[in-house]
């Protein structure tokens, strides 16, 4: 069983969630969080993604960019570009899916397939 950390390129909090939803409606082509696009619709989590989370044997952790930076700033600083998916081993991280790659995925299934193949 692996520990997989997903870091969104969005900040935490209800106000930010509302702003992100508005952005997805008004100008979806400029929305910059590829991971958010794959895992969430405008208001709710994508059903295929939710099903994957329930079915996987792996431990999944989800952080927003500001939460990751606060929790790991002293050790990793600005080493990563967000969004990102990492394998977490104790206090070390291994890149699983980069921001660049996430932004090329066309569907939730693309993300799920890559995670299953690499883990």
PDB file of N, CA and C in Angstrom:
ATOM      1  N   UNK A   1       0.843  -1.175   0.000  1.00  0.00           N
ATOM      2  CA  UNK A   1       0.000   0.000   0.000  1.00  0.00           C
ATOM      3  C   UNK A   1       0.892   1.243   0.000  1.00  0.00           C
ATOM      4  N   UNK A   2       0.586   2.172  -0.880  1.00  0.00           N
ATOM      5  CA  UNK A   2       1.381   3.397  -1.029  1.00  0.00           C
ATOM      6  C   UNK A   2       0.626   4.594  -0.467  1.00  0.00           C
ATOM      7  N   UNK A   3       1.383   5.629  -0.147  1.00  0.00           N
ATOM      8  CA  UNK A   3       0.818   6.911   0.270  1.00  0.00           C
ATOM      9  C   UNK A   3       0.964   7.881  -0.888  1.00  0.00           C
ATOM     10  N   UNK A   4      -0.151   8.356  -1.391  1.00  0.00           N
ATOM     11  CA  UNK A   4      -0.143   9.249  -2.546  1.00  0.00           C
ATOM     12  C   UNK A   4      -0.678  10.606  -2.110  1.00  0.00           C
ATOM     13  N   UNK A   5       0.095  11.642  -2.411  1.00  0.00           N
ATOM     14  CA  UNK A   5      -0.277  13.008  -2.051  1.00  0.00           C
ATOM     15  C   UNK A   5      -0.639  13.792  -3.302  1.00  0.00           C
ATOM     16  N   UNK A   6      -1.831  14.355  -3.304  1.00  0.00           N
ATOM     17  CA  UNK A   6      -2.321  15.183  -4.402  1.00  0.00           C
ATOM     18  C   UNK A   6      -2.314  16.629  -3.913  1.00  0.00           C
ATOM     19  N   UNK A   7      -1.656  17.502  -4.656  1.00  0.00           N
ATOM     20  CA  UNK A   7      -1.618  18.913  -4.268  1.00  0.00           C
ATOM     21  C   UNK A   7      -2.247  19.737  -5.381  1.00  0.00           C
ATOM     22  N   UNK A   8      -3.337  20.397  -5.035  1.00  0.00           N
ATOM     23  CA  UNK A   8      -4.058  21.236  -5.990  1.00  0.00           C
ATOM     24  C   UNK A   8      -3.377  22.596  -6.136  1.00  0.00           C
ATOM     25  N   UNK A   9      -3.511  23.185  -7.304  1.00  0.00           N
ATOM     26  CA  UNK A   9      -2.980  24.533  -7.537  1.00  0.00           C
ATOM     27  C   UNK A   9      -4.073  25.547  -7.200  1.00  0.00           C
ATOM     28  N   UNK A  10      -4.673  25.359  -6.073  1.00  0.00           N
ATOM     29  CA  UNK A  10      -5.728  26.239  -5.580  1.00  0.00           C
ATOM     30  C   UNK A  10      -5.485  26.400  -4.089  1.00  0.00           C
ATOM     31  N   UNK A  11      -5.927  27.499  -3.547  1.00  0.00           N
ATOM     32  CA  UNK A  11      -5.778  27.725  -2.122  1.00  0.00           C
ATOM     33  C   UNK A  11      -7.006  27.223  -1.382  1.00  0.00           C
ATOM     34  N   UNK A  12      -6.819  26.907  -0.116  1.00  0.00           N
ATOM     35  CA  UNK A  12      -7.897  26.367   0.704  1.00  0.00           C
ATOM     36  C   UNK A  12      -8.883  27.458   1.116  1.00  0.00           C
ATOM     37  N   UNK A  13     -10.022  27.022   1.612  1.00  0.00           N
ATOM     38  CA  UNK A  13     -11.021  27.944   2.139  1.00  0.00           C
ATOM     39  C   UNK A  13     -12.241  28.067   1.249  1.00  0.00           C
ATOM     40  N   UNK A  14     -13.359  28.384   1.890  1.00  0.00           N
ATOM     41  CA  UNK A  14     -14.628  28.475   1.167  1.00  0.00           C
ATOM     42  C   UNK A  14     -14.634  29.609   0.150  1.00  0.00           C
ATOM     43  N   UNK A  15     -14.045  30.740   0.500  1.00  0.00           N
ATOM     44  CA  UNK A  15     -14.021  31.875  -0.435  1.00  0.00           C
ATOM     45  C   UNK A  15     -13.261  31.503  -1.700  1.00  0.00           C
ATOM     46  N   UNK A  16     -12.141  30.820  -1.547  1.00  0.00           N
ATOM     47  CA  UNK A  16     -11.368  30.385  -2.717  1.00  0.00           C
ATOM     48  C   UNK A  16     -12.128  29.355  -3.538  1.00  0.00           C
ATOM     49  N   UNK A  17     -12.862  28.467  -2.871  1.00  0.00           N
ATOM     50  CA  UNK A  17     -13.664  27.467  -3.587  1.00  0.00           C
ATOM     51  C   UNK A  17     -14.739  28.147  -4.430  1.00  0.00           C
ATOM     52  N   UNK A  18     -15.367  29.166  -3.878  1.00  0.00           N
ATOM     53  CA  UNK A  18     -16.390  29.910  -4.623  1.00  0.00           C
ATOM     54  C   UNK A  18     -15.759  30.610  -5.824  1.00  0.00           C
ATOM     55  N   UNK A  19     -14.625  31.272  -5.606  1.00  0.00           N
ATOM     56  CA  UNK A  19     -13.938  31.953  -6.712  1.00  0.00           C
ATOM     57  C   UNK A  19     -13.524  30.968  -7.799  1.00  0.00           C
ATOM     58  N   UNK A  20     -13.036  29.799  -7.402  1.00  0.00           N
ATOM     59  CA  UNK A  20     -12.650  28.776  -8.381  1.00  0.00           C
ATOM     60  C   UNK A  20     -13.857  28.312  -9.190  1.00  0.00           C
ATOM     61  N   UNK A  21     -14.989  28.120  -8.525  1.00  0.00           N
ATOM     62  CA  UNK A  21     -16.208  27.697  -9.229  1.00  0.00           C
ATOM     63  C   UNK A  21     -16.652  28.754 -10.232  1.00  0.00           C
ATOM     64  N   UNK A  22     -16.602  29.995  -9.826  1.00  0.00           N
ATOM     65  CA  UNK A  22     -16.968  31.087 -10.738  1.00  0.00           C
ATOM     66  C   UNK A  22     -16.021  31.114 -11.928  1.00  0.00           C
ATOM     67  N   UNK A  23     -14.735  30.957 -11.666  1.00  0.00           N
ATOM     68  CA  UNK A  23     -13.732  30.943 -12.735  1.00  0.00           C
ATOM     69  C   UNK A  23     -14.017  29.819 -13.730  1.00  0.00           C
ATOM     70  N   UNK A  24     -14.374  28.640 -13.220  1.00  0.00           N
ATOM     71  CA  UNK A  24     -14.683  27.500 -14.093  1.00  0.00           C
ATOM     72  C   UNK A  24     -15.887  27.777 -14.988  1.00  0.00           C
ATOM     73  N   UNK A  25     -16.823  28.585 -14.496  1.00  0.00           N
ATOM     74  CA  UNK A  25     -18.020  28.917 -15.274  1.00  0.00           C
ATOM     75  C   UNK A  25     -17.732  30.018 -16.288  1.00  0.00           C
ATOM     76  N   UNK A  26     -17.114  31.097 -15.823  1.00  0.00           N
ATOM     77  CA  UNK A  26     -16.927  32.291 -16.646  1.00  0.00           C
ATOM     78  C   UNK A  26     -15.835  32.124 -17.692  1.00  0.00           C
ATOM     79  N   UNK A  27     -14.700  31.565 -17.285  1.00  0.00           N
ATOM     80  CA  UNK A  27     -13.573  31.450 -18.211  1.00  0.00           C
ATOM     81  C   UNK A  27     -12.833  30.128 -17.992  1.00  0.00           C
ATOM     82  N   UNK A  28     -13.480  29.015 -18.293  1.00  0.00           N
ATOM     83  CA  UNK A  28     -12.882  27.706 -18.000  1.00  0.00           C
ATOM     84  C   UNK A  28     -11.560  27.455 -18.718  1.00  0.00           C
ATOM     85  N   UNK A  29     -11.378  28.041 -19.879  1.00  0.00           N
ATOM     86  CA  UNK A  29     -10.139  27.808 -20.635  1.00  0.00           C
ATOM     87  C   UNK A  29      -8.913  28.409 -19.955  1.00  0.00           C
ATOM     88  N   UNK A  30      -9.107  29.330 -19.014  1.00  0.00           N
ATOM     89  CA  UNK A  30      -7.969  29.937 -18.320  1.00  0.00           C
ATOM     90  C   UNK A  30      -7.792  29.393 -16.903  1.00  0.00           C
ATOM     91  N   UNK A  31      -8.620  28.438 -16.511  1.00  0.00           N
ATOM     92  CA  UNK A  31      -8.499  27.864 -15.170  1.00  0.00           C
ATOM     93  C   UNK A  31      -7.219  27.041 -15.114  1.00  0.00           C
ATOM     94  N   UNK A  32      -6.349  27.328 -14.159  1.00  0.00           N
ATOM     95  CA  UNK A  32      -4.981  26.803 -14.201  1.00  0.00           C
ATOM     96  C   UNK A  32      -4.711  25.526 -13.408  1.00  0.00           C
ATOM     97  N   UNK A  33      -5.684  24.997 -12.705  1.00  0.00           N
ATOM     98  CA  UNK A  33      -5.425  23.772 -11.942  1.00  0.00           C
ATOM     99  C   UNK A  33      -5.918  22.558 -12.717  1.00  0.00           C
ATOM    100  N   UNK A  34      -4.991  21.901 -13.408  1.00  0.00           N
ATOM    101  CA  UNK A  34      -5.339  20.709 -14.176  1.00  0.00           C
ATOM    102  C   UNK A  34      -5.889  19.590 -13.310  1.00  0.00           C
ATOM    103  N   UNK A  35      -5.390  19.467 -12.090  1.00  0.00           N
ATOM    104  CA  UNK A  35      -5.877  18.430 -11.180  1.00  0.00           C
ATOM    105  C   UNK A  35      -7.324  18.716 -10.771  1.00  0.00           C
ATOM    106  N   UNK A  36      -7.632  19.965 -10.499  1.00  0.00           N
ATOM    107  CA  UNK A  36      -9.016  20.352 -10.159  1.00  0.00           C
ATOM    108  C   UNK A  36      -9.959  20.038 -11.311  1.00  0.00           C
ATOM    109  N   UNK A  37      -9.521  20.341 -12.520  1.00  0.00           N
ATOM    110  CA  UNK A  37     -10.357  20.089 -13.699  1.00  0.00           C
ATOM    111  C   UNK A  37     -10.682  18.608 -13.842  1.00  0.00           C
ATOM    112  N   UNK A  38      -9.727  17.756 -13.493  1.00  0.00           N
ATOM    113  CA  UNK A  38      -9.905  16.313 -13.646  1.00  0.00           C
ATOM    114  C   UNK A  38     -10.726  15.681 -12.524  1.00  0.00           C
ATOM    115  N   UNK A  39     -10.646  16.241 -11.328  1.00  0.00           N
ATOM    116  CA  UNK A  39     -11.265  15.599 -10.169  1.00  0.00           C
ATOM    117  C   UNK A  39     -12.570  16.240  -9.708  1.00  0.00           C
ATOM    118  N   UNK A  40     -12.824  17.460 -10.160  1.00  0.00           N
ATOM    119  CA  UNK A  40     -14.013  18.180  -9.701  1.00  0.00           C
ATOM    120  C   UNK A  40     -14.737  18.853 -10.858  1.00  0.00           C
ATOM    121  N   UNK A  41     -16.055  18.874 -10.738  1.00  0.00           N
ATOM    122  CA  UNK A  41     -16.861  19.669 -11.653  1.00  0.00           C
ATOM    123  C   UNK A  41     -16.929  21.085 -11.110  1.00  0.00           C
ATOM    124  N   UNK A  42     -17.953  21.796 -11.478  1.00  0.00           N
ATOM    125  CA  UNK A  42     -18.079  23.173 -11.012  1.00  0.00           C
ATOM    126  C   UNK A  42     -18.350  23.232  -9.511  1.00  0.00           C
ATOM    127  N   UNK A  43     -19.225  22.359  -9.017  1.00  0.00           N
ATOM    128  CA  UNK A  43     -19.607  22.425  -7.609  1.00  0.00           C
ATOM    129  C   UNK A  43     -19.284  21.180  -6.798  1.00  0.00           C
ATOM    130  N   UNK A  44     -19.081  20.049  -7.449  1.00  0.00           N
ATOM    131  CA  UNK A  44     -18.887  18.800  -6.710  1.00  0.00           C
ATOM    132  C   UNK A  44     -17.752  17.970  -7.296  1.00  0.00           C
ATOM    133  N   UNK A  45     -17.365  16.973  -6.533  1.00  0.00           N
ATOM    134  CA  UNK A  45     -16.333  16.048  -6.969  1.00  0.00           C
ATOM    135  C   UNK A  45     -16.868  15.158  -8.093  1.00  0.00           C
ATOM    136  N   UNK A  46     -16.011  14.881  -9.056  1.00  0.00           N
ATOM    137  CA  UNK A  46     -16.342  14.020 -10.190  1.00  0.00           C
ATOM    138  C   UNK A  46     -16.662  12.611  -9.685  1.00  0.00           C
ATOM    139  N   UNK A  47     -17.745  12.002 -10.173  1.00  0.00           N
ATOM    140  CA  UNK A  47     -18.170  10.670  -9.708  1.00  0.00           C
ATOM    141  C   UNK A  47     -17.115   9.595  -9.962  1.00  0.00           C
ATOM    142  N   UNK A  48     -16.504   9.598 -11.132  1.00  0.00           N
ATOM    143  CA  UNK A  48     -15.479   8.584 -11.427  1.00  0.00           C
ATOM    144  C   UNK A  48     -14.303   8.723 -10.468  1.00  0.00           C
ATOM    145  N   UNK A  49     -13.959   9.953 -10.146  1.00  0.00           N
ATOM    146  CA  UNK A  49     -12.861  10.199  -9.214  1.00  0.00           C
ATOM    147  C   UNK A  49     -13.248   9.736  -7.810  1.00  0.00           C
ATOM    148  N   UNK A  50     -14.455  10.050  -7.400  1.00  0.00           N
ATOM    149  CA  UNK A  50     -14.943   9.636  -6.084  1.00  0.00           C
ATOM    150  C   UNK A  50     -14.949   8.113  -5.976  1.00  0.00           C
ATOM    151  N   UNK A  51     -15.388   7.433  -7.036  1.00  0.00           N
ATOM    152  CA  UNK A  51     -15.389   5.967  -7.047  1.00  0.00           C
ATOM    153  C   UNK A  51     -13.968   5.416  -6.945  1.00  0.00           C
ATOM    154  N   UNK A  52     -13.033   6.010  -7.681  1.00  0.00           N
ATOM    155  CA  UNK A  52     -11.636   5.577  -7.611  1.00  0.00           C
ATOM    156  C   UNK A  52     -11.114   5.707  -6.179  1.00  0.00           C
ATOM    157  N   UNK A  53     -11.392   6.814  -5.536  1.00  0.00           N
ATOM    158  CA  UNK A  53     -10.932   7.035  -4.167  1.00  0.00           C
ATOM    159  C   UNK A  53     -11.478   5.976  -3.217  1.00  0.00           C
ATOM    160  N   UNK A  54     -12.720   5.581  -3.416  1.00  0.00           N
ATOM    161  CA  UNK A  54     -13.338   4.577  -2.547  1.00  0.00           C
ATOM    162  C   UNK A  54     -12.795   3.173  -2.803  1.00  0.00           C
ATOM    163  N   UNK A  55     -12.404   2.898  -4.041  1.00  0.00           N
ATOM    164  CA  UNK A  55     -11.979   1.554  -4.429  1.00  0.00           C
ATOM    165  C   UNK A  55     -10.487   1.286  -4.249  1.00  0.00           C
ATOM    166  N   UNK A  56      -9.667   2.317  -4.235  1.00  0.00           N
ATOM    167  CA  UNK A  56      -8.219   2.099  -4.186  1.00  0.00           C
ATOM    168  C   UNK A  56      -7.775   1.553  -2.827  1.00  0.00           C
ATOM    169  N   UNK A  57      -6.706   0.775  -2.849  1.00  0.00           N
ATOM    170  CA  UNK A  57      -6.139   0.257  -1.602  1.00  0.00           C
ATOM    171  C   UNK A  57      -5.117   1.229  -1.015  1.00  0.00           C
ATOM    172  N   UNK A  58      -4.756   2.246  -1.764  1.00  0.00           N
ATOM    173  CA  UNK A  58      -3.713   3.181  -1.345  1.00  0.00           C
ATOM    174  C   UNK A  58      -4.267   4.279  -0.440  1.00  0.00           C
ATOM    175  N   UNK A  59      -3.375   4.834   0.369  1.00  0.00           N
ATOM    176  CA  UNK A  59      -3.733   5.975   1.210  1.00  0.00           C
ATOM    177  C   UNK A  59      -3.616   7.236   0.369  1.00  0.00           C
ATOM    178  N   UNK A  60      -4.690   7.981   0.275  1.00  0.00           N
ATOM    179  CA  UNK A  60      -4.705   9.198  -0.519  1.00  0.00           C
ATOM    180  C   UNK A  60      -4.819  10.396   0.408  1.00  0.00           C
ATOM    181  N   UNK A  61      -3.969  11.386   0.170  1.00  0.00           N
ATOM    182  CA  UNK A  61      -4.003  12.629   0.943  1.00  0.00           C
ATOM    183  C   UNK A  61      -4.142  13.780  -0.045  1.00  0.00           C
ATOM    184  N   UNK A  62      -4.951  14.763   0.317  1.00  0.00           N
ATOM    185  CA  UNK A  62      -5.213  15.889  -0.570  1.00  0.00           C
ATOM    186  C   UNK A  62      -4.916  17.189   0.156  1.00  0.00           C
ATOM    187  N   UNK A  63      -4.105  18.026  -0.477  1.00  0.00           N
ATOM    188  CA  UNK A  63      -3.791  19.336   0.078  1.00  0.00           C
ATOM    189  C   UNK A  63      -3.965  20.397  -0.995  1.00  0.00           C
ATOM    190  N   UNK A  64      -4.314  21.586  -0.545  1.00  0.00           N
ATOM    191  CA  UNK A  64      -4.286  22.734  -1.439  1.00  0.00           C
ATOM    192  C   UNK A  64      -2.861  23.285  -1.419  1.00  0.00           C
ATOM    193  N   UNK A  65      -2.540  24.089  -2.394  1.00  0.00           N
ATOM    194  CA  UNK A  65      -1.188  24.638  -2.522  1.00  0.00           C
ATOM    195  C   UNK A  65      -0.738  25.330  -1.233  1.00  0.00           C
ATOM    196  N   UNK A  66      -1.572  26.182  -0.662  1.00  0.00           N
ATOM    197  CA  UNK A  66      -1.182  26.912   0.547  1.00  0.00           C
ATOM    198  C   UNK A  66      -0.976  25.975   1.737  1.00  0.00           C
ATOM    199  N   UNK A  67      -1.748  24.904   1.808  1.00  0.00           N
ATOM    200  CA  UNK A  67      -1.592  23.934   2.891  1.00  0.00           C
ATOM    201  C   UNK A  67      -0.274  23.178   2.754  1.00  0.00           C
ATOM    202  N   UNK A  68       0.060  22.770   1.527  1.00  0.00           N
ATOM    203  CA  UNK A  68       1.326  22.074   1.284  1.00  0.00           C
ATOM    204  C   UNK A  68       2.498  22.988   1.628  1.00  0.00           C
ATOM    205  N   UNK A  69       2.437  24.222   1.152  1.00  0.00           N
ATOM    206  CA  UNK A  69       3.539  25.156   1.400  1.00  0.00           C
ATOM    207  C   UNK A  69       3.715  25.423   2.888  1.00  0.00           C
ATOM    208  N   UNK A  70       2.632  25.503   3.616  1.00  0.00           N
ATOM    209  CA  UNK A  70       2.712  25.725   5.059  1.00  0.00           C
ATOM    210  C   UNK A  70       3.291  24.501   5.766  1.00  0.00           C
ATOM    211  N   UNK A  71       2.839  23.331   5.382  1.00  0.00           N
ATOM    212  CA  UNK A  71       3.248  22.097   6.050  1.00  0.00           C
ATOM    213  C   UNK A  71       4.679  21.678   5.702  1.00  0.00           C
ATOM    214  N   UNK A  72       5.101  21.930   4.461  1.00  0.00           N
ATOM    215  CA  UNK A  72       6.396  21.421   4.009  1.00  0.00           C
ATOM    216  C   UNK A  72       7.369  22.501   3.547  1.00  0.00           C
ATOM    217  N   UNK A  73       7.080  23.761   3.804  1.00  0.00           N
ATOM    218  CA  UNK A  73       7.910  24.864   3.295  1.00  0.00           C
ATOM    219  C   UNK A  73       9.359  24.766   3.747  1.00  0.00           C
ATOM    220  N   UNK A  74       9.592  24.424   4.992  1.00  0.00           N
ATOM    221  CA  UNK A  74      10.957  24.405   5.498  1.00  0.00           C
ATOM    222  C   UNK A  74      11.809  23.332   4.827  1.00  0.00           C
ATOM    223  N   UNK A  75      11.182  22.266   4.385  1.00  0.00           N
ATOM    224  CA  UNK A  75      11.943  21.174   3.781  1.00  0.00           C
ATOM    225  C   UNK A  75      12.014  21.257   2.261  1.00  0.00           C
ATOM    226  N   UNK A  76      10.920  21.659   1.627  1.00  0.00           N
ATOM    227  CA  UNK A  76      10.878  21.610   0.170  1.00  0.00           C
ATOM    228  C   UNK A  76      10.804  22.971  -0.506  1.00  0.00           C
ATOM    229  N   UNK A  77      10.524  24.016   0.268  1.00  0.00           N
ATOM    230  CA  UNK A  77      10.470  25.354  -0.303  1.00  0.00           C
ATOM    231  C   UNK A  77       9.610  25.400  -1.542  1.00  0.00           C
ATOM    232  N   UNK A  78      10.156  25.902  -2.623  1.00  0.00           N
ATOM    233  CA  UNK A  78       9.395  25.993  -3.878  1.00  0.00           C
ATOM    234  C   UNK A  78       9.920  24.985  -4.896  1.00  0.00           C
ATOM    235  N   UNK A  79      10.253  23.804  -4.432  1.00  0.00           N
ATOM    236  CA  UNK A  79      10.811  22.756  -5.282  1.00  0.00           C
ATOM    237  C   UNK A  79       9.820  22.254  -6.325  1.00  0.00           C
ATOM    238  N   UNK A  80       8.529  22.327  -6.022  1.00  0.00           N
ATOM    239  CA  UNK A  80       7.517  21.749  -6.900  1.00  0.00           C
ATOM    240  C   UNK A  80       6.659  22.813  -7.567  1.00  0.00           C
ATOM    241  N   UNK A  81       6.210  22.481  -8.776  1.00  0.00           N
ATOM    242  CA  UNK A  81       5.193  23.276  -9.464  1.00  0.00           C
ATOM    243  C   UNK A  81       3.867  22.558  -9.272  1.00  0.00           C
ATOM    244  N   UNK A  82       2.825  23.318  -9.049  1.00  0.00           N
ATOM    245  CA  UNK A  82       1.511  22.738  -8.773  1.00  0.00           C
ATOM    246  C   UNK A  82       0.581  22.931  -9.955  1.00  0.00           C
ATOM    247  N   UNK A  83      -0.387  22.045 -10.096  1.00  0.00           N
ATOM    248  CA  UNK A  83      -0.743  20.888  -9.288  1.00  0.00           C
ATOM    249  C   UNK A  83       0.266  19.765  -9.489  1.00  0.00           C
ATOM    250  N   UNK A  84       0.253  18.824  -8.579  1.00  0.00           N
ATOM    251  CA  UNK A  84       1.223  17.730  -8.641  1.00  0.00           C
ATOM    252  C   UNK A  84       0.681  16.518  -7.873  1.00  0.00           C
ATOM    253  N   UNK A  85       1.163  15.340  -8.254  1.00  0.00           N
ATOM    254  CA  UNK A  85       0.841  14.112  -7.523  1.00  0.00           C
ATOM    255  C   UNK A  85       2.176  13.494  -7.124  1.00  0.00           C
ATOM    256  N   UNK A  86       2.309  13.192  -5.837  1.00  0.00           N
ATOM    257  CA  UNK A  86       3.568  12.689  -5.290  1.00  0.00           C
ATOM    258  C   UNK A  86       3.357  11.385  -4.535  1.00  0.00           C
ATOM    259  N   UNK A  87       4.377  10.539  -4.552  1.00  0.00           N
ATOM    260  CA  UNK A  87       4.416   9.386  -3.649  1.00  0.00           C
ATOM    261  C   UNK A  87       5.107   9.866  -2.389  1.00  0.00           C
ATOM    262  N   UNK A  88       4.521   9.578  -1.261  1.00  0.00           N
ATOM    263  CA  UNK A  88       5.051  10.051   0.010  1.00  0.00           C
ATOM    264  C   UNK A  88       5.630   8.869   0.777  1.00  0.00           C
ATOM    265  N   UNK A  89       6.931   8.932   1.051  1.00  0.00           N
ATOM    266  CA  UNK A  89       7.627   7.909   1.826  1.00  0.00           C
ATOM    267  C   UNK A  89       8.276   8.596   3.013  1.00  0.00           C
ATOM    268  N   UNK A  90       7.728   8.385   4.193  1.00  0.00           N
ATOM    269  CA  UNK A  90       8.185   9.076   5.400  1.00  0.00           C
ATOM    270  C   UNK A  90       8.149  10.578   5.129  1.00  0.00           C
ATOM    271  N   UNK A  91       9.305  11.228   5.119  1.00  0.00           N
ATOM    272  CA  UNK A  91       9.354  12.670   4.851  1.00  0.00           C
ATOM    273  C   UNK A  91       9.946  12.974   3.493  1.00  0.00           C
ATOM    274  N   UNK A  92       9.959  12.011   2.618  1.00  0.00           N
ATOM    275  CA  UNK A  92      10.487  12.208   1.263  1.00  0.00           C
ATOM    276  C   UNK A  92       9.354  12.078   0.257  1.00  0.00           C
ATOM    277  N   UNK A  93       9.509  12.788  -0.852  1.00  0.00           N
ATOM    278  CA  UNK A  93       8.514  12.730  -1.918  1.00  0.00           C
ATOM    279  C   UNK A  93       9.159  12.280  -3.215  1.00  0.00           C
ATOM    280  N   UNK A  94       8.412  11.502  -3.966  1.00  0.00           N
ATOM    281  CA  UNK A  94       8.832  11.079  -5.301  1.00  0.00           C
ATOM    282  C   UNK A  94       7.753  11.539  -6.282  1.00  0.00           C
ATOM    283  N   UNK A  95       8.181  12.148  -7.361  1.00  0.00           N
ATOM    284  CA  UNK A  95       7.238  12.653  -8.352  1.00  0.00           C
ATOM    285  C   UNK A  95       6.489  11.498  -9.006  1.00  0.00           C
ATOM    286  N   UNK A  96       5.170  11.580  -8.988  1.00  0.00           N
ATOM    287  CA  UNK A  96       4.334  10.581  -9.649  1.00  0.00           C
ATOM    288  C   UNK A  96       3.742  11.159 -10.933  1.00  0.00           C
ATOM    289  N   UNK A  97       3.154  12.359 -10.840  1.00  0.00           N
ATOM    290  CA  UNK A  97       2.604  13.034 -12.018  1.00  0.00           C
ATOM    291  C   UNK A  97       2.895  14.526 -11.880  1.00  0.00           C
ATOM    292  N   UNK A  98       3.598  15.076 -12.856  1.00  0.00           N
ATOM    293  CA  UNK A  98       3.969  16.496 -12.821  1.00  0.00           C
ATOM    294  C   UNK A  98       2.806  17.394 -13.231  1.00  0.00           C
ATOM    295  N   UNK A  99       2.952  18.673 -12.948  1.00  0.00           N
ATOM    296  CA  UNK A  99       1.956  19.667 -13.375  1.00  0.00           C
ATOM    297  C   UNK A  99       1.835  19.675 -14.892  1.00  0.00           C
ATOM    298  N   UNK A 100       2.960  19.610 -15.560  1.00  0.00           N
ATOM    299  CA  UNK A 100       2.955  19.630 -17.030  1.00  0.00           C
ATOM    300  C   UNK A 100       2.164  18.449 -17.589  1.00  0.00           C
ATOM    301  N   UNK A 101       2.400  17.275 -17.021  1.00  0.00           N
ATOM    302  CA  UNK A 101       1.688  16.084 -17.493  1.00  0.00           C
ATOM    303  C   UNK A 101       0.198  16.151 -17.143  1.00  0.00           C
ATOM    304  N   UNK A 102      -0.123  16.591 -15.926  1.00  0.00           N
ATOM    305  CA  UNK A 102      -1.531  16.710 -15.529  1.00  0.00           C
ATOM    306  C   UNK A 102      -2.306  17.588 -16.503  1.00  0.00           C
ATOM    307  N   UNK A 103      -1.671  18.641 -16.957  1.00  0.00           N
ATOM    308  CA  UNK A 103      -2.344  19.575 -17.857  1.00  0.00           C
ATOM    309  C   UNK A 103      -2.566  19.010 -19.255  1.00  0.00           C
ATOM    310  N   UNK A 104      -1.977  17.853 -19.562  1.00  0.00           N
ATOM    311  CA  UNK A 104      -2.206  17.221 -20.869  1.00  0.00           C
ATOM    312  C   UNK A 104      -3.350  16.210 -20.829  1.00  0.00           C
ATOM    313  N   UNK A 105      -3.751  15.796 -19.631  1.00  0.00           N
ATOM    314  CA  UNK A 105      -4.808  14.793 -19.511  1.00  0.00           C
ATOM    315  C   UNK A 105      -6.141  15.378 -19.958  1.00  0.00           C
ATOM    316  N   UNK A 106      -6.893  14.575 -20.687  1.00  0.00           N
ATOM    317  CA  UNK A 106      -8.192  15.003 -21.211  1.00  0.00           C
ATOM    318  C   UNK A 106      -9.360  14.555 -20.339  1.00  0.00           C
ATOM    319  N   UNK A 107      -9.116  13.567 -19.475  1.00  0.00           N
ATOM    320  CA  UNK A 107     -10.229  13.028 -18.691  1.00  0.00           C
ATOM    321  C   UNK A 107      -9.745  12.501 -17.342  1.00  0.00           C
ATOM    322  N   UNK A 108     -10.703  12.286 -16.469  1.00  0.00           N
ATOM    323  CA  UNK A 108     -10.431  11.680 -15.169  1.00  0.00           C
ATOM    324  C   UNK A 108      -9.823  10.294 -15.351  1.00  0.00           C
ATOM    325  N   UNK A 109     -10.297   9.581 -16.369  1.00  0.00           N
ATOM    326  CA  UNK A 109      -9.781   8.243 -16.646  1.00  0.00           C
ATOM    327  C   UNK A 109      -8.287   8.275 -16.964  1.00  0.00           C
ATOM    328  N   UNK A 110      -7.823   9.309 -17.657  1.00  0.00           N
ATOM    329  CA  UNK A 110      -6.390   9.436 -17.950  1.00  0.00           C
ATOM    330  C   UNK A 110      -5.590   9.482 -16.654  1.00  0.00           C
ATOM    331  N   UNK A 111      -6.044  10.282 -15.710  1.00  0.00           N
ATOM    332  CA  UNK A 111      -5.357  10.401 -14.425  1.00  0.00           C
ATOM    333  C   UNK A 111      -5.373   9.075 -13.674  1.00  0.00           C
ATOM    334  N   UNK A 112      -6.511   8.455 -13.594  1.00  0.00           N
ATOM    335  CA  UNK A 112      -6.639   7.183 -12.871  1.00  0.00           C
ATOM    336  C   UNK A 112      -5.751   6.109 -13.494  1.00  0.00           C
ATOM    337  N   UNK A 113      -5.730   6.039 -14.810  1.00  0.00           N
ATOM    338  CA  UNK A 113      -4.905   5.051 -15.509  1.00  0.00           C
ATOM    339  C   UNK A 113      -3.431   5.238 -15.186  1.00  0.00           C
ATOM    340  N   UNK A 114      -2.958   6.465 -15.235  1.00  0.00           N
ATOM    341  CA  UNK A 114      -1.542   6.740 -14.959  1.00  0.00           C
ATOM    342  C   UNK A 114      -1.198   6.399 -13.512  1.00  0.00           C
ATOM    343  N   UNK A 115      -2.054   6.744 -12.592  1.00  0.00           N
ATOM    344  CA  UNK A 115      -1.790   6.416 -11.187  1.00  0.00           C
ATOM    345  C   UNK A 115      -1.707   4.903 -11.004  1.00  0.00           C
ATOM    346  N   UNK A 116      -2.646   4.175 -11.570  1.00  0.00           N
ATOM    347  CA  UNK A 116      -2.629   2.709 -11.447  1.00  0.00           C
ATOM    348  C   UNK A 116      -1.378   2.108 -12.080  1.00  0.00           C
ATOM    349  N   UNK A 117      -0.955   2.631 -13.212  1.00  0.00           N
ATOM    350  CA  UNK A 117       0.234   2.107 -13.896  1.00  0.00           C
ATOM    351  C   UNK A 117       1.510   2.374 -13.107  1.00  0.00           C
ATOM    352  N   UNK A 118       1.600   3.510 -12.456  1.00  0.00           N
ATOM    353  CA  UNK A 118       2.847   3.915 -11.797  1.00  0.00           C
ATOM    354  C   UNK A 118       2.949   3.493 -10.346  1.00  0.00           C
ATOM    355  N   UNK A 119       1.843   3.122  -9.761  1.00  0.00           N
ATOM    356  CA  UNK A 119       1.864   2.707  -8.360  1.00  0.00           C
ATOM    357  C   UNK A 119       1.729   1.217  -8.332  1.00  0.00           C
TER     358      UNK A 119
END
